[in-house]
Protein backbone atom coordinates (compact mmCIF):
# COMPACT_ATOMS: atom_id res chain seq x y z
CA UNK A 1 -136.61 16.82 41.71
CA UNK A 2 -134.57 18.28 38.80
CA UNK A 3 -135.54 14.97 36.89
CA UNK A 4 -139.12 15.12 37.27
CA UNK A 5 -139.26 18.64 35.92
CA UNK A 6 -136.97 17.73 32.93
CA UNK A 7 -139.05 14.88 32.53
CA UNK A 8 -142.12 16.44 32.26
CA UNK A 9 -140.91 19.22 29.82
CA UNK A 10 -139.38 16.70 27.30
CA UNK A 11 -142.89 14.98 27.49
CA UNK A 12 -144.90 17.72 27.01
CA UNK A 13 -142.54 19.23 24.12
CA UNK A 14 -142.91 15.78 22.46
CA UNK A 15 -146.59 15.45 23.12
CA UNK A 16 -147.20 18.99 21.41
CA UNK A 17 -145.44 18.27 18.47
CA UNK A 18 -147.97 17.25 15.34
CA UNK A 19 -145.64 14.85 14.07
CA UNK A 20 -145.42 12.95 17.38
CA UNK A 21 -148.07 9.99 17.41
CA UNK A 22 -146.71 8.21 20.46
CA UNK A 23 -144.16 8.52 23.15
CA UNK A 24 -142.41 5.25 24.57
CA UNK A 25 -140.05 5.26 27.74
CA UNK A 26 -137.91 2.49 28.21
CA UNK A 27 -137.71 2.77 31.85
CA UNK A 28 -135.82 0.21 33.99
CA UNK A 29 -136.22 -1.35 37.53
CA UNK A 30 -134.85 0.47 40.71
CA UNK A 31 -134.01 -3.02 41.98
CA UNK A 32 -131.58 -3.19 38.73
CA UNK A 33 -129.67 -0.21 39.89
CA UNK A 34 -131.65 2.52 37.57
CA UNK A 35 -132.60 5.12 40.05
CA UNK A 36 -133.22 8.22 37.63
CA UNK A 37 -135.90 6.97 35.14
CA UNK A 38 -137.48 4.03 37.17
CA UNK A 39 -141.04 4.32 37.34
CA UNK A 40 -141.46 1.92 40.32
CA UNK A 41 -139.86 1.23 43.57
CA UNK A 42 -139.03 -2.47 44.54
CA UNK A 43 -142.49 -2.53 46.08
CA UNK A 44 -144.27 -1.29 43.09
CA UNK A 45 -145.14 1.96 44.55
CA UNK A 46 -144.66 5.22 42.26
CA UNK A 47 -141.49 7.00 41.89
CA UNK A 48 -141.67 10.58 41.41
CA UNK A 49 -141.13 9.98 37.67
CA UNK A 50 -144.11 7.96 37.42
CA UNK A 51 -145.95 10.23 39.31
CA UNK A 52 -144.76 12.57 36.51
CA UNK A 53 -146.21 9.90 33.50
CA UNK A 54 -149.39 9.28 35.57
CA UNK A 55 -150.26 13.00 35.87
CA UNK A 56 -149.58 13.56 32.27
CA UNK A 57 -151.71 10.67 30.86
CA UNK A 58 -154.46 11.69 33.36
CA UNK A 59 -154.14 15.46 31.97
CA UNK A 60 -154.25 14.07 28.28
CA UNK A 61 -157.12 11.92 28.42
CA UNK A 62 -160.37 12.95 26.72
CA UNK A 63 -163.55 12.09 28.88
CA UNK A 64 -166.90 11.27 26.96
CA UNK A 65 -168.55 14.23 25.43
CA UNK A 66 -172.04 14.78 23.84
CA UNK A 67 -173.17 17.63 21.69
CA UNK A 68 -175.96 18.83 19.77
CA UNK A 69 -175.70 20.03 16.36
CA UNK A 70 -176.56 23.85 15.42
CA UNK A 71 -178.19 25.38 12.77
CA UNK A 72 -175.26 25.18 10.70
CA UNK A 73 -175.50 21.22 11.26
CA UNK A 74 -171.79 21.07 12.17
CA UNK A 75 -170.02 20.22 15.85
CA UNK A 76 -166.59 20.92 16.79
CA UNK A 77 -164.63 19.10 19.55
CA UNK A 78 -161.01 19.83 20.85
CA UNK A 79 -159.52 16.38 21.21
CA UNK A 80 -156.11 15.00 21.89
CA UNK A 81 -154.36 12.94 19.20
CA UNK A 82 -156.20 9.35 19.64
CA UNK A 83 -158.32 6.98 18.36
CA UNK A 84 -161.95 7.45 19.07
CA UNK A 85 -165.18 5.87 18.95
CA UNK A 86 -168.23 8.31 17.45
CA UNK A 87 -171.96 7.41 17.83
CA UNK A 88 -174.22 9.62 15.85
CA UNK A 89 -177.95 9.46 16.51
CA UNK A 90 -181.03 11.32 14.78
CA UNK A 91 -183.36 13.23 16.90
CA UNK A 92 -186.21 11.42 15.29
CA UNK A 93 -184.39 8.09 16.31
CA UNK A 94 -185.42 9.17 19.85
CA UNK A 95 -189.00 10.51 19.53
C-alpha cells in the first residue's frame, strides 16, 4: 500500500511541474524478481502499481471538446499538456 501511495505522489508532483514534458517508468517484471515497481504479474494482470498508473492516465486524458466563440471571438480551454488536433469551422459553412 505504501508503494502505491508514494508512486502516486511522485507521479502527481512530476506531472504538475511546468518543465516536465513526459514521465518514463522503467518497470521490471514480477517474474524477474522485481516486486515493488512491477506493473503486471506473470499472468499480465495489473499489479497495484499499474492500477495507480492506469488511474492517473485516465484522469489526465482530455476528452473531445466543442465550443462556440462568444462576442469577444475567443474560446478558452483548460487542457493537459499534450499534442492536440484542432478543427475550426465557420458557422456559414454549415448553413
